[in-house]
Amino acid sequence: MKNIFFLILTTLFSINVIGQTTEFSFHLTSGLFSFRGSESGTTTIYTAASDFGAYSTWSPFGKHSGFSYCLGFNAQRITDSHFIFGIRTSYESLSSSINIDKVINITSSGGETWDAYDSRTILTNRFINIFPFLGNRMNVINGVNSDLIFGFDIGAYHSIKEHATINANQKSYNTTKNSLKEKWDYRLHVEMINYYKRVGLSIGYSYGLTNYLFVPKYNNFEKRDARSRMLRFGLVYKI
């Protein structure tokens, strides 16, 4: 991934063209990250221990948002006709949560089902993200440059962490586990940035294309679906 970024960056900015300018900037972004799909509302915990110490979340991909942040470096070229092309690389920590409505405790004699209350799983996904984009610079307000850009997020997983808070069968338990269920997350990404001198404010939206619950069609669960979404708000500083 790092080699791909530097290859694109070198190719993009090694050609000097009259009438074009190059800009570099840092981006600090937060927002509302979540999932949409057939099983993003509530989920079930499967466990083989009465204290919930060994558990599995049936679908940890929830429709509720947690704390998320992104740190990025942006490089772009502006042509004389205000056309923009560039690339951004970011470190992203994106959290979502899902409510747990029941716990199924698997035993040697079968299983027990318990109702859960005030229970949820928080899923934190960390990515190294590459965002190549195209766009246009406008000057709608005097003294303010507005960049409208559109591109494609290529998110390579760095880590995934599940944190479950479980209240069932008159017991409470907090537990955390690390896993790696996906290697990539692909998203369509649109963004508007308004600059006043060196400082800018951004708002954007990412629409996930990767189905986190996809399984081959010969499996009975092939219709399970969970795709990421993020409404983004950020600060930008040109260097």
C-alpha atoms as a PDB file:
ATOM      1  CA  MET A   1       0.000   0.000   0.000  1.00  0.00           C
ATOM      2  CA  LYS A   2       2.791   2.452   0.868  1.00  0.00           C
ATOM      3  CA  ASN A   3       4.580   1.705  -2.403  1.00  0.00           C
ATOM      4  CA  ILE A   4       1.365   2.289  -4.384  1.00  0.00           C
ATOM      5  CA  PHE A   5       0.870   5.665  -2.703  1.00  0.00           C
ATOM      6  CA  PHE A   6       4.377   6.894  -3.447  1.00  0.00           C
ATOM      7  CA  LEU A   7       4.184   5.651  -7.051  1.00  0.00           C
ATOM      8  CA  ILE A   8       0.948   7.575  -7.658  1.00  0.00           C
ATOM      9  CA  LEU A   9       2.235  10.651  -5.836  1.00  0.00           C
ATOM     10  CA  THR A  10       5.499  10.712  -7.804  1.00  0.00           C
ATOM     11  CA  THR A  11       3.719  10.309 -11.135  1.00  0.00           C
ATOM     12  CA  LEU A  12       1.107  12.905 -10.261  1.00  0.00           C
ATOM     13  CA  PHE A  13       3.480  15.703  -9.288  1.00  0.00           C
ATOM     14  CA  SER A  14       6.643  15.039 -11.296  1.00  0.00           C
ATOM     15  CA  ILE A  15       5.262  16.764 -14.400  1.00  0.00           C
ATOM     16  CA  ASN A  16       5.534  20.548 -14.351  1.00  0.00           C
ATOM     17  CA  VAL A  17       2.859  22.204 -16.446  1.00  0.00           C
ATOM     18  CA  ILE A  18       2.518  25.958 -17.027  1.00  0.00           C
ATOM     19  CA  GLY A  19      -0.597  27.340 -15.362  1.00  0.00           C
ATOM     20  CA  GLN A  20      -0.822  24.641 -12.720  1.00  0.00           C
ATOM     21  CA  THR A  21      -0.201  24.968  -8.995  1.00  0.00           C
ATOM     22  CA  THR A  22       0.463  22.290  -6.394  1.00  0.00           C
ATOM     23  CA  GLU A  23      -0.994  22.349  -2.875  1.00  0.00           C
ATOM     24  CA  PHE A  24      -0.252  20.250   0.199  1.00  0.00           C
ATOM     25  CA  SER A  25      -2.413  20.111   3.313  1.00  0.00           C
ATOM     26  CA  PHE A  26      -3.055  18.275   6.574  1.00  0.00           C
ATOM     27  CA  HIS A  27      -6.548  16.979   7.410  1.00  0.00           C
ATOM     28  CA  LEU A  28      -8.091  16.203  10.809  1.00  0.00           C
ATOM     29  CA  THR A  29     -11.504  14.578  10.419  1.00  0.00           C
ATOM     30  CA  SER A  30     -14.179  13.088  12.639  1.00  0.00           C
ATOM     31  CA  GLY A  31     -17.790  12.137  11.985  1.00  0.00           C
ATOM     32  CA  LEU A  32     -20.481   9.494  12.139  1.00  0.00           C
ATOM     33  CA  PHE A  33     -19.332   6.016  11.067  1.00  0.00           C
ATOM     34  CA  SER A  34     -21.769   3.107  10.984  1.00  0.00           C
ATOM     35  CA  PHE A  35     -23.060   0.188   8.920  1.00  0.00           C
ATOM     36  CA  ARG A  36     -26.251  -0.404   6.975  1.00  0.00           C
ATOM     37  CA  GLY A  37     -27.634  -3.779   6.013  1.00  0.00           C
ATOM     38  CA  SER A  38     -29.876  -6.678   6.913  1.00  0.00           C
ATOM     39  CA  GLU A  39     -28.408  -7.228  10.400  1.00  0.00           C
ATOM     40  CA  SER A  40     -27.175  -3.820  11.556  1.00  0.00           C
ATOM     41  CA  GLY A  41     -30.037  -3.190  14.040  1.00  0.00           C
ATOM     42  CA  THR A  42     -29.551  -5.807  16.775  1.00  0.00           C
ATOM     43  CA  THR A  43     -27.422  -8.890  17.190  1.00  0.00           C
ATOM     44  CA  THR A  44     -26.922 -12.067  19.229  1.00  0.00           C
ATOM     45  CA  ILE A  45     -23.981 -13.159  21.364  1.00  0.00           C
ATOM     46  CA  TYR A  46     -22.948 -16.828  21.232  1.00  0.00           C
ATOM     47  CA  THR A  47     -20.920 -18.056  24.166  1.00  0.00           C
ATOM     48  CA  ALA A  48     -19.656 -21.337  25.555  1.00  0.00           C
ATOM     49  CA  ALA A  49     -18.949 -19.997  29.044  1.00  0.00           C
ATOM     50  CA  SER A  50     -21.341 -18.879  31.780  1.00  0.00           C
ATOM     51  CA  ASP A  51     -19.233 -15.743  32.413  1.00  0.00           C
ATOM     52  CA  PHE A  52     -19.286 -14.799  28.686  1.00  0.00           C
ATOM     53  CA  GLY A  53     -15.485 -15.024  28.624  1.00  0.00           C
ATOM     54  CA  ALA A  54     -15.452 -16.851  25.263  1.00  0.00           C
ATOM     55  CA  TYR A  55     -17.959 -15.217  22.949  1.00  0.00           C
ATOM     56  CA  SER A  56     -18.764 -14.506  19.325  1.00  0.00           C
ATOM     57  CA  THR A  57     -20.920 -11.635  18.051  1.00  0.00           C
ATOM     58  CA  TRP A  58     -23.187 -12.885  15.269  1.00  0.00           C
ATOM     59  CA  SER A  59     -22.961  -9.497  13.495  1.00  0.00           C
ATOM     60  CA  PRO A  60     -20.806  -6.792  15.130  1.00  0.00           C
ATOM     61  CA  PHE A  61     -21.571  -4.303  12.319  1.00  0.00           C
ATOM     62  CA  GLY A  62     -24.054  -1.854  13.852  1.00  0.00           C
ATOM     63  CA  LYS A  63     -26.057   1.156  12.679  1.00  0.00           C
ATOM     64  CA  HIS A  64     -25.023   3.317  15.666  1.00  0.00           C
ATOM     65  CA  SER A  65     -21.939   5.533  15.555  1.00  0.00           C
ATOM     66  CA  GLY A  66     -19.008   5.643  17.963  1.00  0.00           C
ATOM     67  CA  PHE A  67     -15.996   7.942  18.293  1.00  0.00           C
ATOM     68  CA  SER A  68     -14.046   8.163  15.038  1.00  0.00           C
ATOM     69  CA  TYR A  69     -11.107  10.203  13.779  1.00  0.00           C
ATOM     70  CA  CYS A  70      -8.884  10.427  10.700  1.00  0.00           C
ATOM     71  CA  LEU A  71      -5.441  12.015  10.260  1.00  0.00           C
ATOM     72  CA  GLY A  72      -4.465  12.660   6.654  1.00  0.00           C
ATOM     73  CA  PHE A  73      -1.976  14.267   4.277  1.00  0.00           C
ATOM     74  CA  ASN A  74      -3.301  15.648   1.001  1.00  0.00           C
ATOM     75  CA  ALA A  75      -1.457  16.514  -2.235  1.00  0.00           C
ATOM     76  CA  GLN A  76      -3.297  18.036  -5.180  1.00  0.00           C
ATOM     77  CA  ARG A  77      -2.706  19.941  -8.400  1.00  0.00           C
ATOM     78  CA  ILE A  78      -4.928  22.783  -9.610  1.00  0.00           C
ATOM     79  CA  THR A  79      -4.979  23.506 -13.344  1.00  0.00           C
ATOM     80  CA  ASP A  80      -5.492  26.899 -14.958  1.00  0.00           C
ATOM     81  CA  SER A  81      -9.135  25.907 -15.654  1.00  0.00           C
ATOM     82  CA  HIS A  82      -9.654  25.073 -11.916  1.00  0.00           C
ATOM     83  CA  PHE A  83      -9.676  21.301 -12.475  1.00  0.00           C
ATOM     84  CA  ILE A  84      -8.321  19.371  -9.454  1.00  0.00           C
ATOM     85  CA  PHE A  85      -6.612  16.002  -9.295  1.00  0.00           C
ATOM     86  CA  GLY A  86      -4.827  14.594  -6.278  1.00  0.00           C
ATOM     87  CA  ILE A  87      -4.419  11.940  -3.639  1.00  0.00           C
ATOM     88  CA  ARG A  88      -4.788  11.741   0.145  1.00  0.00           C
ATOM     89  CA  THR A  89      -3.402   9.160   2.531  1.00  0.00           C
ATOM     90  CA  SER A  90      -4.893   8.822   6.014  1.00  0.00           C
ATOM     91  CA  TYR A  91      -4.843   6.846   9.207  1.00  0.00           C
ATOM     92  CA  GLU A  92      -8.452   6.127  10.233  1.00  0.00           C
ATOM     93  CA  SER A  93      -9.905   4.849  13.502  1.00  0.00           C
ATOM     94  CA  LEU A  94     -13.626   4.290  12.854  1.00  0.00           C
ATOM     95  CA  SER A  95     -16.049   3.012  15.511  1.00  0.00           C
ATOM     96  CA  SER A  96     -19.625   1.762  15.364  1.00  0.00           C
ATOM     97  CA  SER A  97     -21.884  -0.044  17.839  1.00  0.00           C
ATOM     98  CA  ILE A  98     -24.740  -2.530  17.762  1.00  0.00           C
ATOM     99  CA  ASN A  99     -27.276  -3.476  20.432  1.00  0.00           C
ATOM    100  CA  ILE A 100     -27.305  -7.041  21.778  1.00  0.00           C
ATOM    101  CA  ASP A 101     -30.822  -8.426  22.341  1.00  0.00           C
ATOM    102  CA  LYS A 102     -30.046 -11.981  23.441  1.00  0.00           C
ATOM    103  CA  VAL A 103     -27.308 -14.379  24.473  1.00  0.00           C
ATOM    104  CA  ILE A 104     -27.187 -18.035  23.444  1.00  0.00           C
ATOM    105  CA  ASN A 105     -25.068 -20.109  25.803  1.00  0.00           C
ATOM    106  CA  ILE A 106     -23.941 -23.314  24.094  1.00  0.00           C
ATOM    107  CA  THR A 107     -23.584 -26.310  26.417  1.00  0.00           C
ATOM    108  CA  SER A 108     -22.890 -30.011  25.999  1.00  0.00           C
ATOM    109  CA  SER A 109     -26.603 -30.740  26.426  1.00  0.00           C
ATOM    110  CA  GLY A 110     -27.751 -28.144  23.886  1.00  0.00           C
ATOM    111  CA  GLY A 111     -28.067 -24.479  24.739  1.00  0.00           C
ATOM    112  CA  GLU A 112     -29.773 -21.775  26.763  1.00  0.00           C
ATOM    113  CA  THR A 113     -31.151 -18.467  25.506  1.00  0.00           C
ATOM    114  CA  TRP A 114     -31.085 -15.417  27.768  1.00  0.00           C
ATOM    115  CA  ASP A 115     -32.540 -11.960  27.151  1.00  0.00           C
ATOM    116  CA  ALA A 116     -29.914  -9.197  27.221  1.00  0.00           C
ATOM    117  CA  TYR A 117     -30.452  -5.623  28.445  1.00  0.00           C
ATOM    118  CA  ASP A 118     -28.249  -2.511  28.100  1.00  0.00           C
ATOM    119  CA  SER A 119     -25.830  -4.647  26.101  1.00  0.00           C
ATOM    120  CA  ARG A 120     -23.838  -3.744  23.018  1.00  0.00           C
ATOM    121  CA  THR A 121     -20.753  -4.462  20.967  1.00  0.00           C
ATOM    122  CA  ILE A 122     -18.466  -1.582  19.937  1.00  0.00           C
ATOM    123  CA  LEU A 123     -16.455  -2.333  16.806  1.00  0.00           C
ATOM    124  CA  THR A 124     -13.343  -0.241  16.112  1.00  0.00           C
ATOM    125  CA  ASN A 125     -11.824  -0.541  12.625  1.00  0.00           C
ATOM    126  CA  ARG A 126      -8.394   0.979  11.941  1.00  0.00           C
ATOM    127  CA  PHE A 127      -7.335   1.571   8.349  1.00  0.00           C
ATOM    128  CA  ILE A 128      -4.548   2.969   6.245  1.00  0.00           C
ATOM    129  CA  ASN A 129      -6.656   4.706   3.596  1.00  0.00           C
ATOM    130  CA  ILE A 130      -5.716   5.920   0.116  1.00  0.00           C
ATOM    131  CA  PHE A 131      -8.093   8.413  -1.522  1.00  0.00           C
ATOM    132  CA  PRO A 132      -7.343   9.389  -5.163  1.00  0.00           C
ATOM    133  CA  PHE A 133      -9.737  12.072  -6.380  1.00  0.00           C
ATOM    134  CA  LEU A 134     -10.797  14.511  -9.088  1.00  0.00           C
ATOM    135  CA  GLY A 135     -12.722  17.740  -8.697  1.00  0.00           C
ATOM    136  CA  ASN A 136     -13.226  21.412  -9.390  1.00  0.00           C
ATOM    137  CA  ARG A 137     -12.365  24.646  -7.579  1.00  0.00           C
ATOM    138  CA  MET A 138     -15.067  27.306  -7.331  1.00  0.00           C
ATOM    139  CA  ASN A 139     -15.171  30.848  -5.960  1.00  0.00           C
ATOM    140  CA  VAL A 140     -18.807  31.286  -4.897  1.00  0.00           C
ATOM    141  CA  ILE A 141     -18.014  33.636  -1.982  1.00  0.00           C
ATOM    142  CA  ASN A 142     -15.439  36.388  -2.338  1.00  0.00           C
ATOM    143  CA  GLY A 143     -12.197  35.380  -0.606  1.00  0.00           C
ATOM    144  CA  VAL A 144     -13.270  31.742  -0.122  1.00  0.00           C
ATOM    145  CA  ASN A 145     -12.122  28.902  -2.386  1.00  0.00           C
ATOM    146  CA  SER A 146     -14.471  25.918  -2.518  1.00  0.00           C
ATOM    147  CA  ASP A 147     -13.167  22.533  -3.702  1.00  0.00           C
ATOM    148  CA  LEU A 148     -15.699  19.886  -4.701  1.00  0.00           C
ATOM    149  CA  ILE A 149     -13.927  16.538  -5.075  1.00  0.00           C
ATOM    150  CA  PHE A 150     -15.000  12.981  -5.785  1.00  0.00           C
ATOM    151  CA  GLY A 151     -13.014   9.771  -5.603  1.00  0.00           C
ATOM    152  CA  PHE A 152     -12.599   6.270  -4.272  1.00  0.00           C
ATOM    153  CA  ASP A 153     -11.448   5.200  -0.788  1.00  0.00           C
ATOM    154  CA  ILE A 154      -9.146   2.178  -0.685  1.00  0.00           C
ATOM    155  CA  GLY A 155      -8.986   1.197   2.980  1.00  0.00           C
ATOM    156  CA  ALA A 156      -6.394  -1.402   4.001  1.00  0.00           C
ATOM    157  CA  TYR A 157      -7.059  -2.886   7.442  1.00  0.00           C
ATOM    158  CA  HIS A 158      -4.566  -2.202  10.189  1.00  0.00           C
ATOM    159  CA  SER A 159      -6.580  -3.802  13.021  1.00  0.00           C
ATOM    160  CA  ILE A 160     -10.105  -4.605  14.253  1.00  0.00           C
ATOM    161  CA  LYS A 161     -11.213  -4.621  17.902  1.00  0.00           C
ATOM    162  CA  GLU A 162     -14.532  -5.744  19.401  1.00  0.00           C
ATOM    163  CA  HIS A 163     -15.559  -4.594  22.870  1.00  0.00           C
ATOM    164  CA  ALA A 164     -18.718  -6.200  24.252  1.00  0.00           C
ATOM    165  CA  THR A 165     -20.707  -5.090  27.298  1.00  0.00           C
ATOM    166  CA  ILE A 166     -23.083  -7.937  28.198  1.00  0.00           C
ATOM    167  CA  ASN A 167     -25.860  -7.975  30.818  1.00  0.00           C
ATOM    168  CA  ALA A 168     -27.805 -11.243  30.845  1.00  0.00           C
ATOM    169  CA  ASN A 169     -28.727 -14.102  33.178  1.00  0.00           C
ATOM    170  CA  GLN A 170     -28.241 -11.735  36.162  1.00  0.00           C
ATOM    171  CA  LYS A 171     -24.571 -11.295  35.240  1.00  0.00           C
ATOM    172  CA  SER A 172     -22.544  -8.459  33.710  1.00  0.00           C
ATOM    173  CA  TYR A 173     -19.349  -8.735  31.742  1.00  0.00           C
ATOM    174  CA  ASN A 174     -17.007  -6.511  29.704  1.00  0.00           C
ATOM    175  CA  THR A 175     -14.636  -8.164  27.297  1.00  0.00           C
ATOM    176  CA  THR A 176     -12.418  -7.196  24.368  1.00  0.00           C
ATOM    177  CA  LYS A 177     -10.988  -9.226  21.524  1.00  0.00           C
ATOM    178  CA  ASN A 178      -8.957  -8.465  18.432  1.00  0.00           C
ATOM    179  CA  SER A 179      -9.685  -9.989  15.049  1.00  0.00           C
ATOM    180  CA  LEU A 180      -9.134  -9.454  11.333  1.00  0.00           C
ATOM    181  CA  LYS A 181     -12.200 -10.340   9.263  1.00  0.00           C
ATOM    182  CA  GLU A 182     -11.571  -8.203   6.193  1.00  0.00           C
ATOM    183  CA  LYS A 183      -8.472  -6.983   4.389  1.00  0.00           C
ATOM    184  CA  TRP A 184      -9.978  -4.097   2.383  1.00  0.00           C
ATOM    185  CA  ASP A 185     -12.865  -1.652   2.518  1.00  0.00           C
ATOM    186  CA  TYR A 186     -13.764   0.116  -0.734  1.00  0.00           C
ATOM    187  CA  ARG A 187     -15.950   3.255  -0.619  1.00  0.00           C
ATOM    188  CA  LEU A 188     -17.195   6.020  -2.889  1.00  0.00           C
ATOM    189  CA  HIS A 189     -16.172   9.354  -1.376  1.00  0.00           C
ATOM    190  CA  VAL A 190     -17.466  12.883  -2.096  1.00  0.00           C
ATOM    191  CA  GLU A 191     -16.264  15.982  -0.239  1.00  0.00           C
ATOM    192  CA  MET A 192     -16.598  19.772  -0.165  1.00  0.00           C
ATOM    193  CA  ILE A 193     -13.777  21.885   1.318  1.00  0.00           C
ATOM    194  CA  ASN A 194     -14.104  25.649   1.865  1.00  0.00           C
ATOM    195  CA  TYR A 195     -10.775  27.481   2.291  1.00  0.00           C
ATOM    196  CA  TYR A 196     -10.155  30.915   3.732  1.00  0.00           C
ATOM    197  CA  LYS A 197      -6.469  31.598   3.150  1.00  0.00           C
ATOM    198  CA  ARG A 198      -4.684  28.551   4.643  1.00  0.00           C
ATOM    199  CA  VAL A 199      -7.491  27.184   6.808  1.00  0.00           C
ATOM    200  CA  GLY A 200     -10.389  25.103   5.545  1.00  0.00           C
ATOM    201  CA  LEU A 201     -13.524  23.317   6.729  1.00  0.00           C
ATOM    202  CA  SER A 202     -14.612  20.088   5.078  1.00  0.00           C
ATOM    203  CA  ILE A 203     -17.763  18.023   4.916  1.00  0.00           C
ATOM    204  CA  GLY A 204     -17.924  14.690   3.115  1.00  0.00           C
ATOM    205  CA  TYR A 205     -19.622  11.353   2.797  1.00  0.00           C
ATOM    206  CA  SER A 206     -18.267   7.857   2.183  1.00  0.00           C
ATOM    207  CA  TYR A 207     -20.516   5.088   0.852  1.00  0.00           C
ATOM    208  CA  GLY A 208     -19.134   1.583   1.403  1.00  0.00           C
ATOM    209  CA  LEU A 209     -19.157  -0.990  -1.387  1.00  0.00           C
ATOM    210  CA  THR A 210     -17.648  -3.904   0.560  1.00  0.00           C
ATOM    211  CA  ASN A 211     -20.111  -6.409   2.071  1.00  0.00           C
ATOM    212  CA  TYR A 212     -18.605  -7.399   5.419  1.00  0.00           C
ATOM    213  CA  LEU A 213     -21.019 -10.337   5.783  1.00  0.00           C
ATOM    214  CA  PHE A 214     -20.617 -11.806   2.301  1.00  0.00           C
ATOM    215  CA  VAL A 215     -20.378 -15.591   2.051  1.00  0.00           C
ATOM    216  CA  PRO A 216     -20.490 -17.806  -1.070  1.00  0.00           C
ATOM    217  CA  LYS A 217     -23.934 -18.374  -2.598  1.00  0.00           C
ATOM    218  CA  TYR A 218     -24.015 -22.075  -1.737  1.00  0.00           C
ATOM    219  CA  ASN A 219     -24.327 -21.050   1.920  1.00  0.00           C
ATOM    220  CA  ASN A 220     -27.826 -20.385   3.299  1.00  0.00           C
ATOM    221  CA  PHE A 221     -26.701 -17.000   4.634  1.00  0.00           C
ATOM    222  CA  GLU A 222     -25.639 -15.448   1.331  1.00  0.00           C
ATOM    223  CA  LYS A 223     -28.181 -12.614   1.722  1.00  0.00           C
ATOM    224  CA  ARG A 224     -26.566 -11.226   4.889  1.00  0.00           C
ATOM    225  CA  ASP A 225     -25.356  -7.697   4.233  1.00  0.00           C
ATOM    226  CA  ALA A 226     -23.373  -4.989   6.058  1.00  0.00           C
ATOM    227  CA  ARG A 227     -21.736  -2.020   4.316  1.00  0.00           C
ATOM    228  CA  SER A 228     -19.985   0.961   5.881  1.00  0.00           C
ATOM    229  CA  ARG A 229     -21.149   4.584   5.831  1.00  0.00           C
ATOM    230  CA  MET A 230     -19.500   7.746   7.144  1.00  0.00           C
ATOM    231  CA  LEU A 231     -20.561  11.380   7.338  1.00  0.00           C
ATOM    232  CA  ARG A 232     -17.311  13.340   7.672  1.00  0.00           C
ATOM    233  CA  PHE A 233     -16.508  16.753   9.214  1.00  0.00           C
ATOM    234  CA  GLY A 234     -12.982  18.121   9.269  1.00  0.00           C
ATOM    235  CA  LEU A 235     -10.379  20.842   9.627  1.00  0.00           C
ATOM    236  CA  VAL A 236      -7.786  21.468   6.908  1.00  0.00           C
ATOM    237  CA  TYR A 237      -4.514  23.392   6.994  1.00  0.00           C
ATOM    238  CA  LYS A 238      -2.490  24.192   3.861  1.00  0.00           C
ATOM    239  CA  ILE A 239       1.293  24.146   4.099  1.00  0.00           C
END
